[in-house]
Amino acid sequence: MKNELLRALNLNRDVFNKKTWLLCASDAVNRLELKDTILSKGPDTMSPDYSTLAPWESPPAVFNILQTGTRKADYNPHEL
């Protein structure tokens, strides 16, 4: 979650077409001036309770949020 938040802090606000938890979280981090504190904590560590997946289980989905050069409102609905 920390990586997603740090990416959102660096994104242009025009990428978000409505309020999302990520936008609200990045606003709070900026307002409270916590970005340097978060960065100083180092990478996230795996929980000691975490267990690796069994070979037959699907891996977790990975999503990347990329900024486009065009506003969402300018796209054709079928392109989205």
C-alpha atoms as a PDB file:
ATOM      1  CA  MET A   1       0.000   0.000   0.000  1.00  0.00           C
ATOM      2  CA  LYS A   2       2.887   2.362   0.719  1.00  0.00           C
ATOM      3  CA  ASN A   3       4.159   2.045  -2.862  1.00  0.00           C
ATOM      4  CA  GLU A   4       0.743   2.943  -4.296  1.00  0.00           C
ATOM      5  CA  LEU A   5       0.536   5.951  -2.001  1.00  0.00           C
ATOM      6  CA  LEU A   6       3.986   7.176  -2.994  1.00  0.00           C
ATOM      7  CA  ARG A   7       3.076   6.807  -6.674  1.00  0.00           C
ATOM      8  CA  ALA A   8      -0.144   8.765  -6.099  1.00  0.00           C
ATOM      9  CA  LEU A   9       1.785  11.560  -4.402  1.00  0.00           C
ATOM     10  CA  ASN A  10       3.759  12.022  -7.614  1.00  0.00           C
ATOM     11  CA  LEU A  11       0.780  11.843 -10.007  1.00  0.00           C
ATOM     12  CA  ASN A  12      -0.966  14.832 -11.496  1.00  0.00           C
ATOM     13  CA  ARG A  13      -4.324  15.363  -9.743  1.00  0.00           C
ATOM     14  CA  ASP A  14      -6.032  15.484 -13.178  1.00  0.00           C
ATOM     15  CA  VAL A  15      -5.480  11.708 -13.397  1.00  0.00           C
ATOM     16  CA  PHE A  16      -8.174  11.236 -10.755  1.00  0.00           C
ATOM     17  CA  ASN A  17     -11.697  11.893 -12.057  1.00  0.00           C
ATOM     18  CA  LYS A  18     -13.314  11.518  -8.635  1.00  0.00           C
ATOM     19  CA  LYS A  19     -12.321  11.197  -5.010  1.00  0.00           C
ATOM     20  CA  THR A  20     -10.731   7.848  -4.287  1.00  0.00           C
ATOM     21  CA  TRP A  21      -9.177   6.544  -1.100  1.00  0.00           C
ATOM     22  CA  LEU A  22      -5.764   6.941  -2.749  1.00  0.00           C
ATOM     23  CA  LEU A  23      -6.371  10.605  -3.595  1.00  0.00           C
ATOM     24  CA  CYS A  24      -7.682  11.279  -0.078  1.00  0.00           C
ATOM     25  CA  ALA A  25      -4.681   9.500   1.450  1.00  0.00           C
ATOM     26  CA  SER A  26      -2.191  11.446  -0.682  1.00  0.00           C
ATOM     27  CA  ASP A  27      -3.960  14.704   0.219  1.00  0.00           C
ATOM     28  CA  ALA A  28      -3.681  13.835   3.915  1.00  0.00           C
ATOM     29  CA  VAL A  29       0.005  12.925   3.606  1.00  0.00           C
ATOM     30  CA  ASN A  30       0.701  16.219   1.842  1.00  0.00           C
ATOM     31  CA  ARG A  31      -1.396  18.237   4.294  1.00  0.00           C
ATOM     32  CA  LEU A  32       0.299  16.652   7.306  1.00  0.00           C
ATOM     33  CA  GLU A  33       3.746  16.840   5.652  1.00  0.00           C
ATOM     34  CA  LEU A  34       4.381  13.129   6.244  1.00  0.00           C
ATOM     35  CA  LYS A  35       5.983  12.142   2.927  1.00  0.00           C
ATOM     36  CA  ASP A  36       9.554  12.392   4.275  1.00  0.00           C
ATOM     37  CA  THR A  37       8.573  10.414   7.380  1.00  0.00           C
ATOM     38  CA  ILE A  38       7.046   7.643   5.278  1.00  0.00           C
ATOM     39  CA  LEU A  39      10.097   7.515   3.015  1.00  0.00           C
ATOM     40  CA  SER A  40      12.454   7.354   5.991  1.00  0.00           C
ATOM     41  CA  LYS A  41      10.811   4.157   7.269  1.00  0.00           C
ATOM     42  CA  GLY A  42      12.291   2.076   4.442  1.00  0.00           C
ATOM     43  CA  PRO A  43      10.571  -0.606   2.391  1.00  0.00           C
ATOM     44  CA  ASP A  44       7.530  -2.477   3.644  1.00  0.00           C
ATOM     45  CA  THR A  45       8.367  -5.783   5.287  1.00  0.00           C
ATOM     46  CA  MET A  46       6.418  -8.991   5.004  1.00  0.00           C
ATOM     47  CA  SER A  47       4.247  -9.948   7.945  1.00  0.00           C
ATOM     48  CA  PRO A  48       5.609 -12.852   9.999  1.00  0.00           C
ATOM     49  CA  ASP A  49       2.167 -14.473   9.622  1.00  0.00           C
ATOM     50  CA  TYR A  50       2.406 -14.463   5.813  1.00  0.00           C
ATOM     51  CA  SER A  51       2.570 -17.856   4.170  1.00  0.00           C
ATOM     52  CA  THR A  52       3.563 -18.455   0.570  1.00  0.00           C
ATOM     53  CA  LEU A  53       0.931 -19.632  -1.866  1.00  0.00           C
ATOM     54  CA  ALA A  54       0.475 -23.281  -2.644  1.00  0.00           C
ATOM     55  CA  PRO A  55       1.629 -24.201  -6.175  1.00  0.00           C
ATOM     56  CA  TRP A  56      -1.972 -24.578  -7.384  1.00  0.00           C
ATOM     57  CA  GLU A  57      -3.089 -21.151  -6.132  1.00  0.00           C
ATOM     58  CA  SER A  58      -3.165 -18.158  -8.454  1.00  0.00           C
ATOM     59  CA  PRO A  59      -0.684 -15.396  -7.696  1.00  0.00           C
ATOM     60  CA  PRO A  60      -2.125 -12.091  -6.476  1.00  0.00           C
ATOM     61  CA  ALA A  61      -3.085  -9.615  -9.176  1.00  0.00           C
ATOM     62  CA  VAL A  62      -0.690  -6.735  -9.811  1.00  0.00           C
ATOM     63  CA  PHE A  63      -2.081  -3.398 -10.977  1.00  0.00           C
ATOM     64  CA  ASN A  64      -0.032  -0.497 -12.281  1.00  0.00           C
ATOM     65  CA  ILE A  65      -1.517   2.991 -12.401  1.00  0.00           C
ATOM     66  CA  LEU A  66      -0.106   4.865 -15.355  1.00  0.00           C
ATOM     67  CA  GLN A  67      -0.665   8.477 -16.251  1.00  0.00           C
ATOM     68  CA  THR A  68      -1.845   9.093 -19.801  1.00  0.00           C
ATOM     69  CA  GLY A  69      -1.370  12.247 -21.820  1.00  0.00           C
ATOM     70  CA  THR A  70      -5.127  12.686 -22.230  1.00  0.00           C
ATOM     71  CA  ARG A  71      -7.893  13.363 -19.748  1.00  0.00           C
ATOM     72  CA  LYS A  72     -10.337  10.508 -19.192  1.00  0.00           C
ATOM     73  CA  ALA A  73     -13.239  12.723 -20.305  1.00  0.00           C
ATOM     74  CA  ASP A  74     -11.632  13.053 -23.754  1.00  0.00           C
ATOM     75  CA  TYR A  75     -11.636   9.305 -24.422  1.00  0.00           C
ATOM     76  CA  ASN A  76     -14.339   7.410 -26.231  1.00  0.00           C
ATOM     77  CA  PRO A  77     -16.135   5.103 -23.713  1.00  0.00           C
ATOM     78  CA  HIS A  78     -15.166   2.070 -25.808  1.00  0.00           C
ATOM     79  CA  GLU A  79     -11.474   2.988 -25.486  1.00  0.00           C
ATOM     80  CA  LEU A  80     -11.696   2.870 -21.721  1.00  0.00           C
END
